[in-house]
Amino acid sequence: MVSLPRTGLRRTICATPNGSTRALADASGSLTDSYDYDAFWVLLNSSGDTENAYRYTGEQLDPSLDQYYLRARYYDQSSGRFTQIDTWMGHNSNPITLHKYLYGNADPVTYTDPTGKFSLGSISVAQSINAVLTTASVVGTGFELYGYASGNKEVSAENVGWTAIILLSGPAVGKVLKGAAAIRAGKALEAAAKSGNLGKLILTSGRTSEVVLRRFIPGGSKNSFKPSANIASGYKYQFKIGETTVEFKWHAPDLAAAKKFPDSNSGSIWTAQIKIGRKLLGADGKLYSRPSNETHIPIDIF
């Protein structure tokens, strides 16, 4: 859902198999907006005037730059290139990966680059991370990510955080990660949090969105949030990656916080609390031991 804060209107996202927003629909199911793109994400045609930043492959378009935010770097769809140099060294056996600005190995129909570091095809010949995680022969090597050194091999859990493990896999994670693989994924998750990459994956200018958070939640997870007199609605999901407990919670403004702390995030807007183990992610990308206004992260509701 796309929520328009100033009007209270909501729109349902109609997406293609690759996650691209092709249309928005109102509560009656009538289409209010539509989008057509070329292979390199250039918007060819559009209709409607709903404010919506989530476009091609569901990624966020920065309206001030007219470029897509892909976590490590920004992507300029008009040139088909990233605007900053790639920090990943590439792989000599695949020369095209040595290009420092190229998107998706110059083949955006086949490859995606949601981390801003490397194309998904760099992990496996499988066309998507879901295929990687559900192919038994690849799962074991996929989790070698954690042991790879930056630049010496194709990817590094330190560099890409847990994107390759969780963000891109969606519901498949909860069904696939078991035993040693789940424990190693949890360690990679913890490493990403300690290295500071977690904020880069979840936050954009100190904010997050429901779309982003839901990508992390394993299929079958139940919403355990209970409305109260102070908080009318919200969501709460708790799950484990190996030995690491993860909790995502986001809710409407807290009336009690509004009275006690009138200028607080929690008391005035929808906020998210992201807990990894015993640490809380702050809007500044840092991890904290105790809750505060900083750990109540503004969230866009969809």
C-alpha atoms as a PDB file:
ATOM      1  CA  MET A   1       0.000   0.000   0.000  1.00  0.00           C
ATOM      2  CA  VAL A   2       1.047   3.585  -0.686  1.00  0.00           C
ATOM      3  CA  SER A   3      -0.133   6.019   1.976  1.00  0.00           C
ATOM      4  CA  LEU A   4      -0.386   9.763   1.329  1.00  0.00           C
ATOM      5  CA  PRO A   5       0.246  11.454   4.702  1.00  0.00           C
ATOM      6  CA  ARG A   6      -1.314  14.794   3.785  1.00  0.00           C
ATOM      7  CA  THR A   7      -4.552  13.388   2.413  1.00  0.00           C
ATOM      8  CA  GLY A   8      -4.916  10.026   4.145  1.00  0.00           C
ATOM      9  CA  LEU A   9      -5.473   8.313   0.790  1.00  0.00           C
ATOM     10  CA  ARG A  10      -4.137   4.809   0.209  1.00  0.00           C
ATOM     11  CA  ARG A  11      -3.208   3.075  -2.997  1.00  0.00           C
ATOM     12  CA  THR A  12      -2.465  -0.585  -3.711  1.00  0.00           C
ATOM     13  CA  ILE A  13       0.726  -1.297  -5.672  1.00  0.00           C
ATOM     14  CA  CYS A  14       0.259  -3.524  -8.723  1.00  0.00           C
ATOM     15  CA  ALA A  15       3.688  -5.029  -9.394  1.00  0.00           C
ATOM     16  CA  THR A  16       5.306  -7.108 -12.122  1.00  0.00           C
ATOM     17  CA  PRO A  17       7.116 -10.399 -11.340  1.00  0.00           C
ATOM     18  CA  ASN A  18      10.396  -8.486 -10.878  1.00  0.00           C
ATOM     19  CA  GLY A  19       8.763  -6.193  -8.312  1.00  0.00           C
ATOM     20  CA  SER A  20       8.362  -3.144 -10.532  1.00  0.00           C
ATOM     21  CA  THR A  21       5.391  -0.884  -9.852  1.00  0.00           C
ATOM     22  CA  ARG A  22       3.268  -0.931 -13.004  1.00  0.00           C
ATOM     23  CA  ALA A  23       0.127   0.631 -11.556  1.00  0.00           C
ATOM     24  CA  LEU A  24      -1.610   1.905  -8.425  1.00  0.00           C
ATOM     25  CA  ALA A  25      -5.222   1.134  -7.552  1.00  0.00           C
ATOM     26  CA  ASP A  26      -7.673   2.750  -5.147  1.00  0.00           C
ATOM     27  CA  ALA A  27      -9.861   0.967  -2.597  1.00  0.00           C
ATOM     28  CA  SER A  28     -12.404   0.021  -5.265  1.00  0.00           C
ATOM     29  CA  GLY A  29      -9.758  -1.615  -7.437  1.00  0.00           C
ATOM     30  CA  SER A  30      -9.803   1.124 -10.064  1.00  0.00           C
ATOM     31  CA  LEU A  31      -6.397   2.056 -11.464  1.00  0.00           C
ATOM     32  CA  THR A  32      -5.343   5.596 -10.568  1.00  0.00           C
ATOM     33  CA  ASP A  33      -1.763   5.593 -11.852  1.00  0.00           C
ATOM     34  CA  SER A  34       0.331   3.624 -14.336  1.00  0.00           C
ATOM     35  CA  TYR A  35       4.019   3.374 -15.267  1.00  0.00           C
ATOM     36  CA  ASP A  36       5.943   2.058 -18.290  1.00  0.00           C
ATOM     37  CA  TYR A  37       9.737   1.667 -18.271  1.00  0.00           C
ATOM     38  CA  ASP A  38      12.499   0.571 -20.592  1.00  0.00           C
ATOM     39  CA  ALA A  39      15.060  -2.075 -19.586  1.00  0.00           C
ATOM     40  CA  PHE A  40      17.381   0.439 -17.912  1.00  0.00           C
ATOM     41  CA  TRP A  41      14.575   1.840 -15.714  1.00  0.00           C
ATOM     42  CA  VAL A  42      13.851   4.974 -17.745  1.00  0.00           C
ATOM     43  CA  LEU A  43      10.204   5.984 -17.286  1.00  0.00           C
ATOM     44  CA  LEU A  44       8.654   6.006 -20.767  1.00  0.00           C
ATOM     45  CA  ASN A  45       5.050   6.820 -19.919  1.00  0.00           C
ATOM     46  CA  SER A  46       3.035   7.450 -16.792  1.00  0.00           C
ATOM     47  CA  SER A  47      -0.423   8.543 -15.755  1.00  0.00           C
ATOM     48  CA  GLY A  48      -1.919   9.767 -12.493  1.00  0.00           C
ATOM     49  CA  ASP A  49      -0.516  12.077  -9.830  1.00  0.00           C
ATOM     50  CA  THR A  50      -0.150   9.887  -6.727  1.00  0.00           C
ATOM     51  CA  GLU A  51       3.088  10.577  -4.849  1.00  0.00           C
ATOM     52  CA  ASN A  52       5.003   7.315  -5.183  1.00  0.00           C
ATOM     53  CA  ALA A  53       8.784   6.948  -5.000  1.00  0.00           C
ATOM     54  CA  TYR A  54       8.872   3.147  -5.343  1.00  0.00           C
ATOM     55  CA  ARG A  55       9.192   2.345  -9.018  1.00  0.00           C
ATOM     56  CA  TYR A  56      11.321  -0.066 -11.044  1.00  0.00           C
ATOM     57  CA  THR A  57      11.985  -3.396  -9.238  1.00  0.00           C
ATOM     58  CA  GLY A  58      10.398  -1.712  -6.224  1.00  0.00           C
ATOM     59  CA  GLU A  59      13.413   0.513  -5.627  1.00  0.00           C
ATOM     60  CA  GLN A  60      13.165   4.068  -4.351  1.00  0.00           C
ATOM     61  CA  LEU A  61      13.506   6.982  -6.766  1.00  0.00           C
ATOM     62  CA  ASP A  62      15.019  10.083  -5.169  1.00  0.00           C
ATOM     63  CA  PRO A  63      12.903  12.950  -6.572  1.00  0.00           C
ATOM     64  CA  SER A  64      15.543  15.600  -5.909  1.00  0.00           C
ATOM     65  CA  LEU A  65      18.246  13.713  -7.838  1.00  0.00           C
ATOM     66  CA  ASP A  66      15.964  11.823 -10.236  1.00  0.00           C
ATOM     67  CA  GLN A  67      18.121   8.779  -9.499  1.00  0.00           C
ATOM     68  CA  TYR A  68      17.464   5.437  -7.812  1.00  0.00           C
ATOM     69  CA  TYR A  69      18.831   4.745  -4.337  1.00  0.00           C
ATOM     70  CA  LEU A  70      20.532   1.326  -4.347  1.00  0.00           C
ATOM     71  CA  ARG A  71      22.071   1.507  -0.863  1.00  0.00           C
ATOM     72  CA  ALA A  72      25.808   1.621  -1.632  1.00  0.00           C
ATOM     73  CA  ARG A  73      25.383   3.988  -4.594  1.00  0.00           C
ATOM     74  CA  TYR A  74      22.872   5.924  -6.653  1.00  0.00           C
ATOM     75  CA  TYR A  75      21.887   4.707 -10.111  1.00  0.00           C
ATOM     76  CA  ASP A  76      21.296   7.175 -12.959  1.00  0.00           C
ATOM     77  CA  GLN A  77      18.735   5.515 -15.204  1.00  0.00           C
ATOM     78  CA  SER A  78      19.219   8.104 -17.966  1.00  0.00           C
ATOM     79  CA  SER A  79      22.795   6.906 -18.556  1.00  0.00           C
ATOM     80  CA  GLY A  80      22.411   3.317 -17.356  1.00  0.00           C
ATOM     81  CA  ARG A  81      25.334   3.869 -14.990  1.00  0.00           C
ATOM     82  CA  PHE A  82      26.020   4.314 -11.297  1.00  0.00           C
ATOM     83  CA  THR A  83      27.117   7.791 -10.281  1.00  0.00           C
ATOM     84  CA  GLN A  84      29.863   6.645  -7.879  1.00  0.00           C
ATOM     85  CA  ILE A  85      32.742   4.231  -8.370  1.00  0.00           C
ATOM     86  CA  ASP A  86      32.203   0.620  -7.300  1.00  0.00           C
ATOM     87  CA  THR A  87      34.108  -0.391  -4.161  1.00  0.00           C
ATOM     88  CA  TRP A  88      33.931  -4.054  -5.155  1.00  0.00           C
ATOM     89  CA  MET A  89      37.036  -5.109  -7.086  1.00  0.00           C
ATOM     90  CA  GLY A  90      35.219  -7.390  -9.507  1.00  0.00           C
ATOM     91  CA  HIS A  91      36.344 -10.803 -10.685  1.00  0.00           C
ATOM     92  CA  ASN A  92      39.064 -11.371 -13.289  1.00  0.00           C
ATOM     93  CA  SER A  93      37.357 -14.433 -14.723  1.00  0.00           C
ATOM     94  CA  ASN A  94      34.358 -12.259 -15.633  1.00  0.00           C
ATOM     95  CA  PRO A  95      35.822  -9.036 -17.111  1.00  0.00           C
ATOM     96  CA  ILE A  96      32.520  -7.179 -17.252  1.00  0.00           C
ATOM     97  CA  THR A  97      32.430  -7.163 -13.441  1.00  0.00           C
ATOM     98  CA  LEU A  98      35.610  -5.051 -13.457  1.00  0.00           C
ATOM     99  CA  HIS A  99      33.652  -2.089 -14.829  1.00  0.00           C
ATOM    100  CA  LYS A 100      33.286   0.413 -11.994  1.00  0.00           C
ATOM    101  CA  TYR A 101      30.034   2.094 -13.033  1.00  0.00           C
ATOM    102  CA  LEU A 102      28.082  -0.487 -15.044  1.00  0.00           C
ATOM    103  CA  TYR A 103      24.652  -1.594 -13.863  1.00  0.00           C
ATOM    104  CA  GLY A 104      23.634  -5.251 -13.976  1.00  0.00           C
ATOM    105  CA  ASN A 105      26.491  -6.374 -16.217  1.00  0.00           C
ATOM    106  CA  ALA A 106      24.918  -4.198 -18.947  1.00  0.00           C
ATOM    107  CA  ASP A 107      22.056  -6.724 -19.040  1.00  0.00           C
ATOM    108  CA  PRO A 108      19.331  -5.333 -16.744  1.00  0.00           C
ATOM    109  CA  VAL A 109      16.730  -7.789 -18.029  1.00  0.00           C
ATOM    110  CA  THR A 110      18.728 -10.715 -16.644  1.00  0.00           C
ATOM    111  CA  TYR A 111      20.633  -9.149 -13.745  1.00  0.00           C
ATOM    112  CA  THR A 112      19.828  -6.774 -10.912  1.00  0.00           C
ATOM    113  CA  ASP A 113      22.157  -4.902  -8.571  1.00  0.00           C
ATOM    114  CA  PRO A 114      20.115  -3.957  -5.484  1.00  0.00           C
ATOM    115  CA  THR A 115      23.159  -3.603  -3.233  1.00  0.00           C
ATOM    116  CA  GLY A 116      25.015  -1.212  -5.529  1.00  0.00           C
ATOM    117  CA  LYS A 117      27.955  -3.605  -5.218  1.00  0.00           C
ATOM    118  CA  PHE A 118      27.517  -6.517  -7.614  1.00  0.00           C
ATOM    119  CA  SER A 119      24.992  -8.177  -9.902  1.00  0.00           C
ATOM    120  CA  LEU A 120      22.950 -11.033  -8.495  1.00  0.00           C
ATOM    121  CA  GLY A 121      24.264 -13.185 -11.299  1.00  0.00           C
ATOM    122  CA  SER A 122      27.670 -12.907  -9.644  1.00  0.00           C
ATOM    123  CA  ILE A 123      26.549 -15.275  -6.897  1.00  0.00           C
ATOM    124  CA  SER A 124      25.169 -17.990  -9.137  1.00  0.00           C
ATOM    125  CA  VAL A 125      23.941 -18.759 -12.620  1.00  0.00           C
ATOM    126  CA  ALA A 126      20.487 -18.786 -11.079  1.00  0.00           C
ATOM    127  CA  GLN A 127      18.469 -15.795 -12.237  1.00  0.00           C
ATOM    128  CA  SER A 128      17.263 -14.715  -8.819  1.00  0.00           C
ATOM    129  CA  ILE A 129      18.214 -15.005  -5.186  1.00  0.00           C
ATOM    130  CA  ASN A 130      15.066 -17.045  -4.575  1.00  0.00           C
ATOM    131  CA  ALA A 131      16.351 -19.586  -7.060  1.00  0.00           C
ATOM    132  CA  VAL A 132      19.716 -19.542  -5.308  1.00  0.00           C
ATOM    133  CA  LEU A 133      18.198 -20.188  -1.904  1.00  0.00           C
ATOM    134  CA  THR A 134      15.910 -22.943  -3.122  1.00  0.00           C
ATOM    135  CA  THR A 135      18.604 -24.772  -5.097  1.00  0.00           C
ATOM    136  CA  ALA A 136      20.232 -27.182  -2.669  1.00  0.00           C
ATOM    137  CA  SER A 137      23.516 -27.364  -4.543  1.00  0.00           C
ATOM    138  CA  VAL A 138      23.922 -23.599  -4.313  1.00  0.00           C
ATOM    139  CA  VAL A 139      22.763 -22.878  -0.771  1.00  0.00           C
ATOM    140  CA  GLY A 140      25.995 -24.112   0.780  1.00  0.00           C
ATOM    141  CA  THR A 141      28.212 -21.985  -1.437  1.00  0.00           C
ATOM    142  CA  GLY A 142      25.839 -19.052  -1.119  1.00  0.00           C
ATOM    143  CA  PHE A 143      26.613 -18.809   2.573  1.00  0.00           C
ATOM    144  CA  GLU A 144      30.343 -18.753   1.893  1.00  0.00           C
ATOM    145  CA  LEU A 145      29.584 -15.045   1.529  1.00  0.00           C
ATOM    146  CA  TYR A 146      30.412 -14.687   5.178  1.00  0.00           C
ATOM    147  CA  GLY A 147      33.975 -15.918   4.740  1.00  0.00           C
ATOM    148  CA  TYR A 148      34.896 -14.051   1.563  1.00  0.00           C
ATOM    149  CA  ALA A 149      37.305 -11.142   1.773  1.00  0.00           C
ATOM    150  CA  SER A 150      36.360  -7.894   0.060  1.00  0.00           C
ATOM    151  CA  GLY A 151      37.826  -7.702  -3.430  1.00  0.00           C
ATOM    152  CA  ASN A 152      39.489 -11.120  -3.344  1.00  0.00           C
ATOM    153  CA  LYS A 153      36.340 -13.049  -4.110  1.00  0.00           C
ATOM    154  CA  GLU A 154      33.074 -12.070  -5.614  1.00  0.00           C
ATOM    155  CA  VAL A 155      31.138 -10.847  -2.593  1.00  0.00           C
ATOM    156  CA  SER A 156      31.575 -10.171   1.102  1.00  0.00           C
ATOM    157  CA  ALA A 157      28.999 -10.350   3.885  1.00  0.00           C
ATOM    158  CA  GLU A 158      30.895  -7.460   5.473  1.00  0.00           C
ATOM    159  CA  ASN A 159      30.371  -5.336   2.357  1.00  0.00           C
ATOM    160  CA  VAL A 160      26.844  -6.220   1.375  1.00  0.00           C
ATOM    161  CA  GLY A 161      25.578  -6.713   4.910  1.00  0.00           C
ATOM    162  CA  TRP A 162      22.816  -9.315   4.896  1.00  0.00           C
ATOM    163  CA  THR A 163      21.188  -8.202   1.659  1.00  0.00           C
ATOM    164  CA  ALA A 164      22.104 -11.350  -0.266  1.00  0.00           C
ATOM    165  CA  ILE A 165      20.966 -13.497   2.632  1.00  0.00           C
ATOM    166  CA  ILE A 166      17.697 -11.868   3.628  1.00  0.00           C
ATOM    167  CA  LEU A 167      16.679  -8.683   1.825  1.00  0.00           C
ATOM    168  CA  LEU A 168      16.485 -10.153  -1.653  1.00  0.00           C
ATOM    169  CA  SER A 169      15.117 -13.530  -0.715  1.00  0.00           C
ATOM    170  CA  GLY A 170      11.818 -12.499   0.809  1.00  0.00           C
ATOM    171  CA  PRO A 171       9.636 -15.286   2.218  1.00  0.00           C
ATOM    172  CA  ALA A 172      11.993 -18.040   1.015  1.00  0.00           C
ATOM    173  CA  VAL A 173      14.399 -17.410   3.876  1.00  0.00           C
ATOM    174  CA  GLY A 174      12.148 -18.740   6.595  1.00  0.00           C
ATOM    175  CA  LYS A 175      11.637 -21.961   4.668  1.00  0.00           C
ATOM    176  CA  VAL A 176      15.223 -22.598   3.596  1.00  0.00           C
ATOM    177  CA  LEU A 177      17.570 -21.576   6.396  1.00  0.00           C
ATOM    178  CA  LYS A 178      18.051 -24.482   8.767  1.00  0.00           C
ATOM    179  CA  GLY A 179      20.787 -25.932  10.918  1.00  0.00           C
ATOM    180  CA  ALA A 180      24.307 -24.716  10.216  1.00  0.00           C
ATOM    181  CA  ALA A 181      23.173 -22.487   7.349  1.00  0.00           C
ATOM    182  CA  ALA A 182      20.777 -20.624   9.636  1.00  0.00           C
ATOM    183  CA  ILE A 183      23.475 -20.171  12.275  1.00  0.00           C
ATOM    184  CA  ARG A 184      25.911 -18.795   9.695  1.00  0.00           C
ATOM    185  CA  ALA A 185      23.242 -16.457   8.360  1.00  0.00           C
ATOM    186  CA  GLY A 186      22.693 -15.186  11.890  1.00  0.00           C
ATOM    187  CA  LYS A 187      26.419 -14.545  12.232  1.00  0.00           C
ATOM    188  CA  ALA A 188      26.412 -12.655   8.940  1.00  0.00           C
ATOM    189  CA  LEU A 189      23.466 -10.619  10.193  1.00  0.00           C
ATOM    190  CA  GLU A 190      25.320  -9.754  13.378  1.00  0.00           C
ATOM    191  CA  ALA A 191      28.439  -8.860  11.392  1.00  0.00           C
ATOM    192  CA  ALA A 192      26.419  -6.512   9.195  1.00  0.00           C
ATOM    193  CA  ALA A 193      24.969  -4.805  12.248  1.00  0.00           C
ATOM    194  CA  LYS A 194      28.390  -4.393  13.862  1.00  0.00           C
ATOM    195  CA  SER A 195      29.978  -3.090  10.652  1.00  0.00           C
ATOM    196  CA  GLY A 196      27.336  -0.398  10.229  1.00  0.00           C
ATOM    197  CA  ASN A 197      25.918  -1.793   6.990  1.00  0.00           C
ATOM    198  CA  LEU A 198      22.507  -2.537   8.460  1.00  0.00           C
ATOM    199  CA  GLY A 199      21.452   1.090   8.414  1.00  0.00           C
ATOM    200  CA  LYS A 200      22.570   1.454   4.818  1.00  0.00           C
ATOM    201  CA  LEU A 201      20.245  -1.363   3.803  1.00  0.00           C
ATOM    202  CA  ILE A 202      17.201  -0.239   5.772  1.00  0.00           C
ATOM    203  CA  LEU A 203      17.425   3.549   5.985  1.00  0.00           C
ATOM    204  CA  THR A 204      17.163   6.384   3.502  1.00  0.00           C
ATOM    205  CA  SER A 205      17.980   9.800   4.948  1.00  0.00           C
ATOM    206  CA  GLY A 206      17.050   8.624   8.434  1.00  0.00           C
ATOM    207  CA  ARG A 207      13.772   6.996   7.373  1.00  0.00           C
ATOM    208  CA  THR A 208      12.592   3.548   6.407  1.00  0.00           C
ATOM    209  CA  SER A 209       9.452   2.169   4.765  1.00  0.00           C
ATOM    210  CA  GLU A 210       7.016  -0.674   5.227  1.00  0.00           C
ATOM    211  CA  VAL A 211       8.033  -2.023   1.805  1.00  0.00           C
ATOM    212  CA  VAL A 212      11.665  -2.344   2.897  1.00  0.00           C
ATOM    213  CA  LEU A 213      10.917  -3.947   6.266  1.00  0.00           C
ATOM    214  CA  ARG A 214       8.522  -6.521   4.848  1.00  0.00           C
ATOM    215  CA  ARG A 215      11.275  -7.783   2.549  1.00  0.00           C
ATOM    216  CA  PHE A 216      13.145  -8.979   5.623  1.00  0.00           C
ATOM    217  CA  ILE A 217      10.277 -10.833   7.302  1.00  0.00           C
ATOM    218  CA  PRO A 218      10.212 -14.613   6.667  1.00  0.00           C
ATOM    219  CA  GLY A 219       7.050 -16.096   5.229  1.00  0.00           C
ATOM    220  CA  GLY A 220       4.593 -17.312   7.829  1.00  0.00           C
ATOM    221  CA  SER A 221       5.618 -14.770  10.465  1.00  0.00           C
ATOM    222  CA  LYS A 222       2.601 -13.565  12.445  1.00  0.00           C
ATOM    223  CA  ASN A 223       1.777 -10.010  13.403  1.00  0.00           C
ATOM    224  CA  SER A 224       1.747 -10.038  17.224  1.00  0.00           C
ATOM    225  CA  PHE A 225       1.004  -6.336  17.698  1.00  0.00           C
ATOM    226  CA  LYS A 226      -1.901  -5.611  20.050  1.00  0.00           C
ATOM    227  CA  PRO A 227      -3.679  -2.232  19.794  1.00  0.00           C
ATOM    228  CA  SER A 228      -4.039  -0.234  22.992  1.00  0.00           C
ATOM    229  CA  ALA A 229      -5.713   2.938  24.199  1.00  0.00           C
ATOM    230  CA  ASN A 230      -2.550   4.848  23.319  1.00  0.00           C
ATOM    231  CA  ILE A 231      -1.550   3.155  20.059  1.00  0.00           C
ATOM    232  CA  ALA A 232      -4.402   2.423  17.683  1.00  0.00           C
ATOM    233  CA  SER A 233      -2.656   0.216  15.139  1.00  0.00           C
ATOM    234  CA  GLY A 234       0.664  -1.297  14.222  1.00  0.00           C
ATOM    235  CA  TYR A 235       2.683  -4.378  13.334  1.00  0.00           C
ATOM    236  CA  LYS A 236       5.151  -6.519  15.260  1.00  0.00           C
ATOM    237  CA  TYR A 237       7.137  -9.431  13.859  1.00  0.00           C
ATOM    238  CA  GLN A 238       9.723 -11.461  15.744  1.00  0.00           C
ATOM    239  CA  PHE A 239      11.773 -14.206  14.145  1.00  0.00           C
ATOM    240  CA  LYS A 240      15.157 -15.865  14.392  1.00  0.00           C
ATOM    241  CA  ILE A 241      18.022 -16.075  11.956  1.00  0.00           C
ATOM    242  CA  GLY A 242      20.080 -18.880  13.456  1.00  0.00           C
ATOM    243  CA  GLU A 243      20.721 -17.843  17.043  1.00  0.00           C
ATOM    244  CA  THR A 244      19.946 -14.173  16.445  1.00  0.00           C
ATOM    245  CA  THR A 245      16.510 -12.856  17.427  1.00  0.00           C
ATOM    246  CA  VAL A 246      15.216 -10.113  15.151  1.00  0.00           C
ATOM    247  CA  GLU A 247      12.217  -7.918  15.932  1.00  0.00           C
ATOM    248  CA  PHE A 248      10.571  -5.443  13.569  1.00  0.00           C
ATOM    249  CA  LYS A 249       7.827  -3.268  15.019  1.00  0.00           C
ATOM    250  CA  TRP A 250       6.110  -0.216  13.575  1.00  0.00           C
ATOM    251  CA  HIS A 251       3.044   1.589  14.844  1.00  0.00           C
ATOM    252  CA  ALA A 252       0.823   4.655  14.717  1.00  0.00           C
ATOM    253  CA  PRO A 253       1.567   7.709  16.913  1.00  0.00           C
ATOM    254  CA  ASP A 254       1.655   6.926  20.632  1.00  0.00           C
ATOM    255  CA  LEU A 255      -0.789   9.209  22.497  1.00  0.00           C
ATOM    256  CA  ALA A 256       1.072   8.728  25.783  1.00  0.00           C
ATOM    257  CA  ALA A 257       4.356   9.764  24.171  1.00  0.00           C
ATOM    258  CA  ALA A 258       2.613  12.734  22.561  1.00  0.00           C
ATOM    259  CA  LYS A 259       1.585  14.022  26.000  1.00  0.00           C
ATOM    260  CA  LYS A 260       4.902  13.367  27.712  1.00  0.00           C
ATOM    261  CA  PHE A 261       7.220  14.187  24.802  1.00  0.00           C
ATOM    262  CA  PRO A 262       5.280  16.441  22.383  1.00  0.00           C
ATOM    263  CA  ASP A 263       8.147  16.723  19.894  1.00  0.00           C
ATOM    264  CA  SER A 264       9.051  13.032  19.866  1.00  0.00           C
ATOM    265  CA  ASN A 265       8.864  10.881  16.754  1.00  0.00           C
ATOM    266  CA  SER A 266       6.814   8.240  18.545  1.00  0.00           C
ATOM    267  CA  GLY A 267       4.228  10.767  19.663  1.00  0.00           C
ATOM    268  CA  SER A 268       3.717  12.504  16.348  1.00  0.00           C
ATOM    269  CA  ILE A 269       4.217  10.080  13.433  1.00  0.00           C
ATOM    270  CA  TRP A 270       4.345   6.412  12.482  1.00  0.00           C
ATOM    271  CA  THR A 271       7.665   4.992  13.678  1.00  0.00           C
ATOM    272  CA  ALA A 272       9.590   1.722  13.449  1.00  0.00           C
ATOM    273  CA  GLN A 273      11.756  -0.003  16.037  1.00  0.00           C
ATOM    274  CA  ILE A 274      14.278  -2.452  14.610  1.00  0.00           C
ATOM    275  CA  LYS A 275      15.923  -4.763  17.131  1.00  0.00           C
ATOM    276  CA  ILE A 276      18.793  -7.092  16.248  1.00  0.00           C
ATOM    277  CA  GLY A 277      19.679  -9.267  19.206  1.00  0.00           C
ATOM    278  CA  ARG A 278      19.805  -6.805  22.106  1.00  0.00           C
ATOM    279  CA  LYS A 279      20.609  -3.763  19.993  1.00  0.00           C
ATOM    280  CA  LEU A 280      18.244  -1.187  18.501  1.00  0.00           C
ATOM    281  CA  LEU A 281      18.922   0.495  15.182  1.00  0.00           C
ATOM    282  CA  GLY A 282      18.824   4.290  15.270  1.00  0.00           C
ATOM    283  CA  ALA A 283      17.773   6.681  12.524  1.00  0.00           C
ATOM    284  CA  ASP A 284      21.444   7.666  12.279  1.00  0.00           C
ATOM    285  CA  GLY A 285      22.408   4.093  11.359  1.00  0.00           C
ATOM    286  CA  LYS A 286      24.061   3.390  14.722  1.00  0.00           C
ATOM    287  CA  LEU A 287      23.093   0.672  17.197  1.00  0.00           C
ATOM    288  CA  TYR A 288      21.887   1.488  20.709  1.00  0.00           C
ATOM    289  CA  SER A 289      21.365  -0.531  23.882  1.00  0.00           C
ATOM    290  CA  ARG A 290      18.354   1.465  25.067  1.00  0.00           C
ATOM    291  CA  PRO A 291      15.274   2.861  23.305  1.00  0.00           C
ATOM    292  CA  SER A 292      15.187   6.601  22.640  1.00  0.00           C
ATOM    293  CA  ASN A 293      13.762   9.075  20.175  1.00  0.00           C
ATOM    294  CA  GLU A 294      16.641   8.121  17.852  1.00  0.00           C
ATOM    295  CA  THR A 295      15.546   4.470  17.795  1.00  0.00           C
ATOM    296  CA  HIS A 296      11.976   5.420  16.863  1.00  0.00           C
ATOM    297  CA  ILE A 297      12.624   5.656  13.141  1.00  0.00           C
ATOM    298  CA  PRO A 298      10.167   7.526  10.889  1.00  0.00           C
ATOM    299  CA  ILE A 299       8.505   5.067   8.516  1.00  0.00           C
ATOM    300  CA  ASP A 300       6.517   5.466   5.303  1.00  0.00           C
ATOM    301  CA  ILE A 301       3.412   3.270   5.425  1.00  0.00           C
ATOM    302  CA  PHE A 302       2.317   1.356   2.311  1.00  0.00           C
END
